[in-house]
Amino acid sequence: MLSDEQKEKLLNLGELCYPPDKIIVILEIDDGPAFMAEFHNPESEIAILYHKGQQLRDFKIDSKLYQLAQAGDLKALDDLEYRRKQMEGKK
């Protein structure tokens, strides 16, 4: 359904948490209802790519906060701890 270029963009849009209606426009999807069905199917390639983008975003943010905390940034340490507690609450 998606080209390699669209898949890469979808991953990036997942990182940015774009809603599916905007993704349809950005990726120039012809069959919006079919895309929406795939987007909401957790086992579809579209949903998997989108959620992978979200996970990559979290990893990038946490990695940066960790670097800052190691350098002595106490605000970054607090933010990292807050994010860790939020993730534990989602389990």
PDB file of N, CA and C in Angstrom:
ATOM      1  N   MET A   1       0.823  -1.203   0.000  1.00  0.00           N
ATOM      2  CA  MET A   1       0.000   0.000   0.000  1.00  0.00           C
ATOM      3  C   MET A   1       0.867   1.267   0.000  1.00  0.00           C
ATOM      4  N   LEU A   2       1.988   1.245   0.742  1.00  0.00           N
ATOM      5  CA  LEU A   2       2.853   2.416   0.820  1.00  0.00           C
ATOM      6  C   LEU A   2       4.190   2.156   0.131  1.00  0.00           C
ATOM      7  N   SER A   3       4.709   3.206  -0.493  1.00  0.00           N
ATOM      8  CA  SER A   3       6.045   3.116  -1.077  1.00  0.00           C
ATOM      9  C   SER A   3       7.083   3.202   0.045  1.00  0.00           C
ATOM     10  N   ASP A   4       8.329   2.901  -0.287  1.00  0.00           N
ATOM     11  CA  ASP A   4       9.397   3.008   0.720  1.00  0.00           C
ATOM     12  C   ASP A   4       9.512   4.434   1.247  1.00  0.00           C
ATOM     13  N   GLU A   5       9.350   5.398   0.358  1.00  0.00           N
ATOM     14  CA  GLU A   5       9.422   6.808   0.763  1.00  0.00           C
ATOM     15  C   GLU A   5       8.274   7.159   1.720  1.00  0.00           C
ATOM     16  N   GLN A   6       7.081   6.679   1.427  1.00  0.00           N
ATOM     17  CA  GLN A   6       5.939   6.932   2.304  1.00  0.00           C
ATOM     18  C   GLN A   6       6.130   6.256   3.665  1.00  0.00           C
ATOM     19  N   LYS A   7       6.722   5.064   3.663  1.00  0.00           N
ATOM     20  CA  LYS A   7       6.974   4.369   4.923  1.00  0.00           C
ATOM     21  C   LYS A   7       7.938   5.163   5.796  1.00  0.00           C
ATOM     22  N   GLU A   8       8.978   5.706   5.182  1.00  0.00           N
ATOM     23  CA  GLU A   8       9.943   6.525   5.934  1.00  0.00           C
ATOM     24  C   GLU A   8       9.270   7.778   6.492  1.00  0.00           C
ATOM     25  N   LYS A   9       8.419   8.412   5.679  1.00  0.00           N
ATOM     26  CA  LYS A   9       7.689   9.596   6.151  1.00  0.00           C
ATOM     27  C   LYS A   9       6.730   9.233   7.275  1.00  0.00           C
ATOM     28  N   LEU A  10       6.079   8.073   7.168  1.00  0.00           N
ATOM     29  CA  LEU A  10       5.149   7.644   8.204  1.00  0.00           C
ATOM     30  C   LEU A  10       5.879   7.443   9.534  1.00  0.00           C
ATOM     31  N   LEU A  11       7.062   6.884   9.474  1.00  0.00           N
ATOM     32  CA  LEU A  11       7.881   6.722  10.671  1.00  0.00           C
ATOM     33  C   LEU A  11       8.159   8.086  11.308  1.00  0.00           C
ATOM     34  N   ASN A  12       8.527   9.054  10.477  1.00  0.00           N
ATOM     35  CA  ASN A  12       8.798  10.409  10.969  1.00  0.00           C
ATOM     36  C   ASN A  12       7.535  11.068  11.515  1.00  0.00           C
ATOM     37  N   LEU A  13       6.413  10.856  10.842  1.00  0.00           N
ATOM     38  CA  LEU A  13       5.151  11.435  11.310  1.00  0.00           C
ATOM     39  C   LEU A  13       4.726  10.807  12.634  1.00  0.00           C
ATOM     40  N   GLY A  14       5.053   9.540  12.814  1.00  0.00           N
ATOM     41  CA  GLY A  14       4.806   8.891  14.103  1.00  0.00           C
ATOM     42  C   GLY A  14       5.621   9.541  15.199  1.00  0.00           C
ATOM     43  N   GLU A  15       6.871   9.885  14.883  1.00  0.00           N
ATOM     44  CA  GLU A  15       7.719  10.577  15.870  1.00  0.00           C
ATOM     45  C   GLU A  15       7.093  11.899  16.278  1.00  0.00           C
ATOM     46  N   LEU A  16       6.430  12.541  15.336  1.00  0.00           N
ATOM     47  CA  LEU A  16       5.820  13.845  15.603  1.00  0.00           C
ATOM     48  C   LEU A  16       4.385  13.741  16.115  1.00  0.00           C
ATOM     49  N   CYS A  17       3.868  12.511  16.221  1.00  0.00           N
ATOM     50  CA  CYS A  17       2.502  12.254  16.702  1.00  0.00           C
ATOM     51  C   CYS A  17       1.421  12.933  15.857  1.00  0.00           C
ATOM     52  N   TYR A  18       1.647  12.960  14.562  1.00  0.00           N
ATOM     53  CA  TYR A  18       0.635  13.536  13.679  1.00  0.00           C
ATOM     54  C   TYR A  18      -0.599  12.645  13.661  1.00  0.00           C
ATOM     55  N   PRO A  19      -1.787  13.242  13.619  1.00  0.00           N
ATOM     56  CA  PRO A  19      -3.010  12.437  13.558  1.00  0.00           C
ATOM     57  C   PRO A  19      -3.185  11.831  12.147  1.00  0.00           C
ATOM     58  N   PRO A  20      -3.925  10.732  12.060  1.00  0.00           N
ATOM     59  CA  PRO A  20      -4.049  10.040  10.768  1.00  0.00           C
ATOM     60  C   PRO A  20      -4.660  10.890   9.653  1.00  0.00           C
ATOM     61  N   ASP A  21      -5.570  11.801   9.980  1.00  0.00           N
ATOM     62  CA  ASP A  21      -6.167  12.614   8.918  1.00  0.00           C
ATOM     63  C   ASP A  21      -5.130  13.518   8.255  1.00  0.00           C
ATOM     64  N   LYS A  22      -4.172  14.021   9.017  1.00  0.00           N
ATOM     65  CA  LYS A  22      -3.099  14.830   8.425  1.00  0.00           C
ATOM     66  C   LYS A  22      -2.115  13.955   7.658  1.00  0.00           C
ATOM     67  N   ILE A  23      -1.874  12.746   8.165  1.00  0.00           N
ATOM     68  CA  ILE A  23      -0.958  11.833   7.490  1.00  0.00           C
ATOM     69  C   ILE A  23      -1.482  11.497   6.095  1.00  0.00           C
ATOM     70  N   ILE A  24      -2.784  11.289   5.983  1.00  0.00           N
ATOM     71  CA  ILE A  24      -3.395  10.984   4.690  1.00  0.00           C
ATOM     72  C   ILE A  24      -3.097  12.089   3.684  1.00  0.00           C
ATOM     73  N   VAL A  25      -3.197  13.326   4.124  1.00  0.00           N
ATOM     74  CA  VAL A  25      -2.930  14.470   3.237  1.00  0.00           C
ATOM     75  C   VAL A  25      -1.442  14.541   2.895  1.00  0.00           C
ATOM     76  N   ILE A  26      -0.584  14.432   3.885  1.00  0.00           N
ATOM     77  CA  ILE A  26       0.858  14.567   3.669  1.00  0.00           C
ATOM     78  C   ILE A  26       1.397  13.463   2.765  1.00  0.00           C
ATOM     79  N   LEU A  27       0.921  12.239   2.982  1.00  0.00           N
ATOM     80  CA  LEU A  27       1.405  11.114   2.178  1.00  0.00           C
ATOM     81  C   LEU A  27       0.653  10.973   0.849  1.00  0.00           C
ATOM     82  N   GLU A  28      -0.329  11.848   0.662  1.00  0.00           N
ATOM     83  CA  GLU A  28      -1.142  11.838  -0.572  1.00  0.00           C
ATOM     84  C   GLU A  28      -1.782  10.468  -0.800  1.00  0.00           C
ATOM     85  N   ILE A  29      -2.447   9.981   0.242  1.00  0.00           N
ATOM     86  CA  ILE A  29      -3.137   8.692   0.195  1.00  0.00           C
ATOM     87  C   ILE A  29      -4.453   8.863  -0.548  1.00  0.00           C
ATOM     88  N   ASP A  30      -4.682   8.018  -1.539  1.00  0.00           N
ATOM     89  CA  ASP A  30      -5.912   8.099  -2.333  1.00  0.00           C
ATOM     90  C   ASP A  30      -7.120   7.505  -1.603  1.00  0.00           C
ATOM     91  N   ASP A  31      -6.909   6.393  -0.898  1.00  0.00           N
ATOM     92  CA  ASP A  31      -8.005   5.701  -0.232  1.00  0.00           C
ATOM     93  C   ASP A  31      -7.926   5.932   1.271  1.00  0.00           C
ATOM     94  N   GLY A  32      -8.456   7.078   1.697  1.00  0.00           N
ATOM     95  CA  GLY A  32      -8.418   7.457   3.104  1.00  0.00           C
ATOM     96  C   GLY A  32      -9.065   6.444   4.036  1.00  0.00           C
ATOM     97  N   PRO A  33     -10.279   5.954   3.716  1.00  0.00           N
ATOM     98  CA  PRO A  33     -10.915   4.978   4.609  1.00  0.00           C
ATOM     99  C   PRO A  33     -10.093   3.694   4.786  1.00  0.00           C
ATOM    100  N   ALA A  34      -9.464   3.218   3.726  1.00  0.00           N
ATOM    101  CA  ALA A  34      -8.629   2.015   3.830  1.00  0.00           C
ATOM    102  C   ALA A  34      -7.407   2.296   4.708  1.00  0.00           C
ATOM    103  N   PHE A  35      -6.823   3.486   4.546  1.00  0.00           N
ATOM    104  CA  PHE A  35      -5.681   3.861   5.378  1.00  0.00           C
ATOM    105  C   PHE A  35      -6.090   3.914   6.844  1.00  0.00           C
ATOM    106  N   MET A  36      -7.254   4.531   7.121  1.00  0.00           N
ATOM    107  CA  MET A  36      -7.723   4.643   8.503  1.00  0.00           C
ATOM    108  C   MET A  36      -7.944   3.257   9.115  1.00  0.00           C
ATOM    109  N   ALA A  37      -8.493   2.342   8.345  1.00  0.00           N
ATOM    110  CA  ALA A  37      -8.709   0.983   8.843  1.00  0.00           C
ATOM    111  C   ALA A  37      -7.381   0.330   9.192  1.00  0.00           C
ATOM    112  N   GLU A  38      -6.388   0.509   8.343  1.00  0.00           N
ATOM    113  CA  GLU A  38      -5.061  -0.049   8.602  1.00  0.00           C
ATOM    114  C   GLU A  38      -4.399   0.643   9.795  1.00  0.00           C
ATOM    115  N   PHE A  39      -4.556   1.946   9.885  1.00  0.00           N
ATOM    116  CA  PHE A  39      -3.969   2.724  10.975  1.00  0.00           C
ATOM    117  C   PHE A  39      -4.478   2.225  12.330  1.00  0.00           C
ATOM    118  N   HIS A  40      -5.753   1.858  12.384  1.00  0.00           N
ATOM    119  CA  HIS A  40      -6.360   1.430  13.650  1.00  0.00           C
ATOM    120  C   HIS A  40      -6.257  -0.077  13.884  1.00  0.00           C
ATOM    121  N   ASN A  41      -5.636  -0.790  12.956  1.00  0.00           N
ATOM    122  CA  ASN A  41      -5.393  -2.220  13.137  1.00  0.00           C
ATOM    123  C   ASN A  41      -3.982  -2.384  13.702  1.00  0.00           C
ATOM    124  N   PRO A  42      -3.837  -2.743  14.980  1.00  0.00           N
ATOM    125  CA  PRO A  42      -2.510  -2.775  15.600  1.00  0.00           C
ATOM    126  C   PRO A  42      -1.527  -3.753  14.952  1.00  0.00           C
ATOM    127  N   GLU A  43      -2.016  -4.672  14.150  1.00  0.00           N
ATOM    128  CA  GLU A  43      -1.139  -5.644  13.507  1.00  0.00           C
ATOM    129  C   GLU A  43      -0.733  -5.245  12.086  1.00  0.00           C
ATOM    130  N   SER A  44      -1.255  -4.120  11.603  1.00  0.00           N
ATOM    131  CA  SER A  44      -0.936  -3.693  10.237  1.00  0.00           C
ATOM    132  C   SER A  44       0.437  -3.020  10.180  1.00  0.00           C
ATOM    133  N   GLU A  45       1.023  -3.047   9.005  1.00  0.00           N
ATOM    134  CA  GLU A  45       2.329  -2.411   8.812  1.00  0.00           C
ATOM    135  C   GLU A  45       2.259  -0.915   9.099  1.00  0.00           C
ATOM    136  N   ILE A  46       1.163  -0.291   8.726  1.00  0.00           N
ATOM    137  CA  ILE A  46       0.986   1.150   8.946  1.00  0.00           C
ATOM    138  C   ILE A  46       1.004   1.470  10.440  1.00  0.00           C
ATOM    139  N   ALA A  47       0.223   0.733  11.226  1.00  0.00           N
ATOM    140  CA  ALA A  47       0.179   0.971  12.676  1.00  0.00           C
ATOM    141  C   ALA A  47       1.530   0.683  13.317  1.00  0.00           C
ATOM    142  N   ILE A  48       2.171  -0.381  12.875  1.00  0.00           N
ATOM    143  CA  ILE A  48       3.476  -0.751  13.437  1.00  0.00           C
ATOM    144  C   ILE A  48       4.514   0.330  13.160  1.00  0.00           C
ATOM    145  N   LEU A  49       4.555   0.841  11.931  1.00  0.00           N
ATOM    146  CA  LEU A  49       5.506   1.908  11.590  1.00  0.00           C
ATOM    147  C   LEU A  49       5.230   3.171  12.402  1.00  0.00           C
ATOM    148  N   TYR A  50       3.973   3.536  12.523  1.00  0.00           N
ATOM    149  CA  TYR A  50       3.600   4.738  13.264  1.00  0.00           C
ATOM    150  C   TYR A  50       4.040   4.624  14.725  1.00  0.00           C
ATOM    151  N   HIS A  51       3.744   3.485  15.346  1.00  0.00           N
ATOM    152  CA  HIS A  51       4.104   3.298  16.759  1.00  0.00           C
ATOM    153  C   HIS A  51       5.614   3.160  16.942  1.00  0.00           C
ATOM    154  N   LYS A  52       6.276   2.608  15.958  1.00  0.00           N
ATOM    155  CA  LYS A  52       7.740   2.551  16.018  1.00  0.00           C
ATOM    156  C   LYS A  52       8.309   3.968  16.020  1.00  0.00           C
ATOM    157  N   GLY A  53       7.729   4.855  15.214  1.00  0.00           N
ATOM    158  CA  GLY A  53       8.148   6.257  15.206  1.00  0.00           C
ATOM    159  C   GLY A  53       7.968   6.897  16.570  1.00  0.00           C
ATOM    160  N   GLN A  54       6.851   6.601  17.239  1.00  0.00           N
ATOM    161  CA  GLN A  54       6.624   7.144  18.574  1.00  0.00           C
ATOM    162  C   GLN A  54       7.661   6.621  19.568  1.00  0.00           C
ATOM    163  N   GLN A  55       7.991   5.352  19.459  1.00  0.00           N
ATOM    164  CA  GLN A  55       8.985   4.766  20.355  1.00  0.00           C
ATOM    165  C   GLN A  55      10.372   5.349  20.093  1.00  0.00           C
ATOM    166  N   LEU A  56      10.691   5.581  18.824  1.00  0.00           N
ATOM    167  CA  LEU A  56      11.978   6.203  18.499  1.00  0.00           C
ATOM    168  C   LEU A  56      12.069   7.616  19.071  1.00  0.00           C
ATOM    169  N   ARG A  57      10.949   8.338  19.009  1.00  0.00           N
ATOM    170  CA  ARG A  57      10.924   9.691  19.582  1.00  0.00           C
ATOM    171  C   ARG A  57      11.210   9.632  21.070  1.00  0.00           C
ATOM    172  N   ASP A  58      10.546   8.728  21.771  1.00  0.00           N
ATOM    173  CA  ASP A  58      10.776   8.599  23.210  1.00  0.00           C
ATOM    174  C   ASP A  58      12.231   8.267  23.506  1.00  0.00           C
ATOM    175  N   PHE A  59      12.805   7.360  22.721  1.00  0.00           N
ATOM    176  CA  PHE A  59      14.195   6.979  22.922  1.00  0.00           C
ATOM    177  C   PHE A  59      15.123   8.178  22.707  1.00  0.00           C
ATOM    178  N   LYS A  60      14.877   8.957  21.662  1.00  0.00           N
ATOM    179  CA  LYS A  60      15.726  10.117  21.380  1.00  0.00           C
ATOM    180  C   LYS A  60      15.639  11.147  22.503  1.00  0.00           C
ATOM    181  N   ILE A  61      14.427  11.394  22.985  1.00  0.00           N
ATOM    182  CA  ILE A  61      14.242  12.354  24.072  1.00  0.00           C
ATOM    183  C   ILE A  61      14.946  11.865  25.338  1.00  0.00           C
ATOM    184  N   ASP A  62      14.719  10.608  25.682  1.00  0.00           N
ATOM    185  CA  ASP A  62      15.331  10.052  26.899  1.00  0.00           C
ATOM    186  C   ASP A  62      16.853  10.031  26.795  1.00  0.00           C
ATOM    187  N   SER A  63      17.368   9.716  25.616  1.00  0.00           N
ATOM    188  CA  SER A  63      18.827   9.692  25.421  1.00  0.00           C
ATOM    189  C   SER A  63      19.421  11.080  25.623  1.00  0.00           C
ATOM    190  N   LYS A  64      18.758  12.084  25.083  1.00  0.00           N
ATOM    191  CA  LYS A  64      19.250  13.456  25.223  1.00  0.00           C
ATOM    192  C   LYS A  64      19.177  13.902  26.687  1.00  0.00           C
ATOM    193  N   LEU A  65      18.069  13.594  27.336  1.00  0.00           N
ATOM    194  CA  LEU A  65      17.947  13.946  28.758  1.00  0.00           C
ATOM    195  C   LEU A  65      19.018  13.242  29.586  1.00  0.00           C
ATOM    196  N   TYR A  66      19.302  11.997  29.257  1.00  0.00           N
ATOM    197  CA  TYR A  66      20.333  11.232  29.969  1.00  0.00           C
ATOM    198  C   TYR A  66      21.699  11.889  29.803  1.00  0.00           C
ATOM    199  N   GLN A  67      22.013  12.303  28.575  1.00  0.00           N
ATOM    200  CA  GLN A  67      23.294  12.991  28.322  1.00  0.00           C
ATOM    201  C   GLN A  67      23.395  14.272  29.144  1.00  0.00           C
ATOM    202  N   LEU A  68      22.321  15.037  29.150  1.00  0.00           N
ATOM    203  CA  LEU A  68      22.314  16.292  29.905  1.00  0.00           C
ATOM    204  C   LEU A  68      22.430  16.029  31.410  1.00  0.00           C
ATOM    205  N   ALA A  69      21.731  15.003  31.884  1.00  0.00           N
ATOM    206  CA  ALA A  69      21.796  14.658  33.305  1.00  0.00           C
ATOM    207  C   ALA A  69      23.203  14.220  33.700  1.00  0.00           C
ATOM    208  N   GLN A  70      23.864  13.458  32.835  1.00  0.00           N
ATOM    209  CA  GLN A  70      25.237  13.037  33.117  1.00  0.00           C
ATOM    210  C   GLN A  70      26.180  14.231  33.195  1.00  0.00           C
ATOM    211  N   ALA A  71      25.842  15.288  32.455  1.00  0.00           N
ATOM    212  CA  ALA A  71      26.677  16.487  32.471  1.00  0.00           C
ATOM    213  C   ALA A  71      26.350  17.394  33.660  1.00  0.00           C
ATOM    214  N   GLY A  72      25.389  16.966  34.506  1.00  0.00           N
ATOM    215  CA  GLY A  72      25.093  17.739  35.707  1.00  0.00           C
ATOM    216  C   GLY A  72      23.836  18.587  35.632  1.00  0.00           C
ATOM    217  N   ASP A  73      23.058  18.458  34.583  1.00  0.00           N
ATOM    218  CA  ASP A  73      21.830  19.233  34.433  1.00  0.00           C
ATOM    219  C   ASP A  73      20.738  18.607  35.317  1.00  0.00           C
ATOM    220  N   LEU A  74      20.445  19.254  36.436  1.00  0.00           N
ATOM    221  CA  LEU A  74      19.493  18.707  37.390  1.00  0.00           C
ATOM    222  C   LEU A  74      18.055  18.712  36.862  1.00  0.00           C
ATOM    223  N   LYS A  75      17.716  19.698  36.059  1.00  0.00           N
ATOM    224  CA  LYS A  75      16.376  19.740  35.439  1.00  0.00           C
ATOM    225  C   LYS A  75      16.202  18.540  34.514  1.00  0.00           C
ATOM    226  N   ALA A  76      17.230  18.218  33.732  1.00  0.00           N
ATOM    227  CA  ALA A  76      17.172  17.063  32.842  1.00  0.00           C
ATOM    228  C   ALA A  76      17.021  15.782  33.642  1.00  0.00           C
ATOM    229  N   LEU A  77      17.706  15.692  34.774  1.00  0.00           N
ATOM    230  CA  LEU A  77      17.593  14.520  35.632  1.00  0.00           C
ATOM    231  C   LEU A  77      16.163  14.379  36.161  1.00  0.00           C
ATOM    232  N   ASP A  78      15.569  15.485  36.587  1.00  0.00           N
ATOM    233  CA  ASP A  78      14.181  15.467  37.051  1.00  0.00           C
ATOM    234  C   ASP A  78      13.234  15.054  35.928  1.00  0.00           C
ATOM    235  N   ASP A  79      13.449  15.617  34.737  1.00  0.00           N
ATOM    236  CA  ASP A  79      12.605  15.288  33.585  1.00  0.00           C
ATOM    237  C   ASP A  79      12.730  13.813  33.204  1.00  0.00           C
ATOM    238  N   LEU A  80      13.934  13.293  33.241  1.00  0.00           N
ATOM    239  CA  LEU A  80      14.174  11.889  32.917  1.00  0.00           C
ATOM    240  C   LEU A  80      13.466  10.982  33.935  1.00  0.00           C
ATOM    241  N   GLU A  81      13.556  11.335  35.191  1.00  0.00           N
ATOM    242  CA  GLU A  81      12.898  10.555  36.239  1.00  0.00           C
ATOM    243  C   GLU A  81      11.376  10.611  36.068  1.00  0.00           C
ATOM    244  N   TYR A  82      10.850  11.778  35.749  1.00  0.00           N
ATOM    245  CA  TYR A  82       9.412  11.936  35.522  1.00  0.00           C
ATOM    246  C   TYR A  82       8.955  11.055  34.356  1.00  0.00           C
ATOM    247  N   ARG A  83       9.721  11.077  33.271  1.00  0.00           N
ATOM    248  CA  ARG A  83       9.379  10.263  32.094  1.00  0.00           C
ATOM    249  C   ARG A  83       9.450   8.771  32.436  1.00  0.00           C
ATOM    250  N   ARG A  84      10.428   8.375  33.228  1.00  0.00           N
ATOM    251  CA  ARG A  84      10.562   6.970  33.621  1.00  0.00           C
ATOM    252  C   ARG A  84       9.330   6.530  34.420  1.00  0.00           C
ATOM    253  N   LYS A  85       8.899   7.381  35.340  1.00  0.00           N
ATOM    254  CA  LYS A  85       7.726   7.050  36.151  1.00  0.00           C
ATOM    255  C   LYS A  85       6.458   6.986  35.293  1.00  0.00           C
ATOM    256  N   GLN A  86       6.363   7.869  34.297  1.00  0.00           N
ATOM    257  CA  GLN A  86       5.226   7.826  33.392  1.00  0.00           C
ATOM    258  C   GLN A  86       5.190   6.509  32.609  1.00  0.00           C
ATOM    259  N   MET A  87       6.336   6.074  32.132  1.00  0.00           N
ATOM    260  CA  MET A  87       6.406   4.815  31.380  1.00  0.00           C
ATOM    261  C   MET A  87       6.052   3.632  32.265  1.00  0.00           C
ATOM    262  N   GLU A  88       6.478   3.652  33.511  1.00  0.00           N
ATOM    263  CA  GLU A  88       6.151   2.568  34.434  1.00  0.00           C
ATOM    264  C   GLU A  88       4.645   2.511  34.682  1.00  0.00           C
ATOM    265  N   GLY A  89       4.007   3.665  34.709  1.00  0.00           N
ATOM    266  CA  GLY A  89       2.563   3.729  34.925  1.00  0.00           C
ATOM    267  C   GLY A  89       1.763   3.208  33.749  1.00  0.00           C
ATOM    268  N   LYS A  90       2.366   3.155  32.565  1.00  0.00           N
ATOM    269  CA  LYS A  90       1.659   2.696  31.369  1.00  0.00           C
ATOM    270  C   LYS A  90       1.719   1.181  31.200  1.00  0.00           C
ATOM    271  N   LYS A  91       2.509   0.522  32.026  1.00  0.00           N
ATOM    272  CA  LYS A  91       2.640  -0.941  31.897  1.00  0.00           C
ATOM    273  C   LYS A  91       1.374  -1.668  32.247  1.00  0.00           C
TER     274      LYS A  91
END
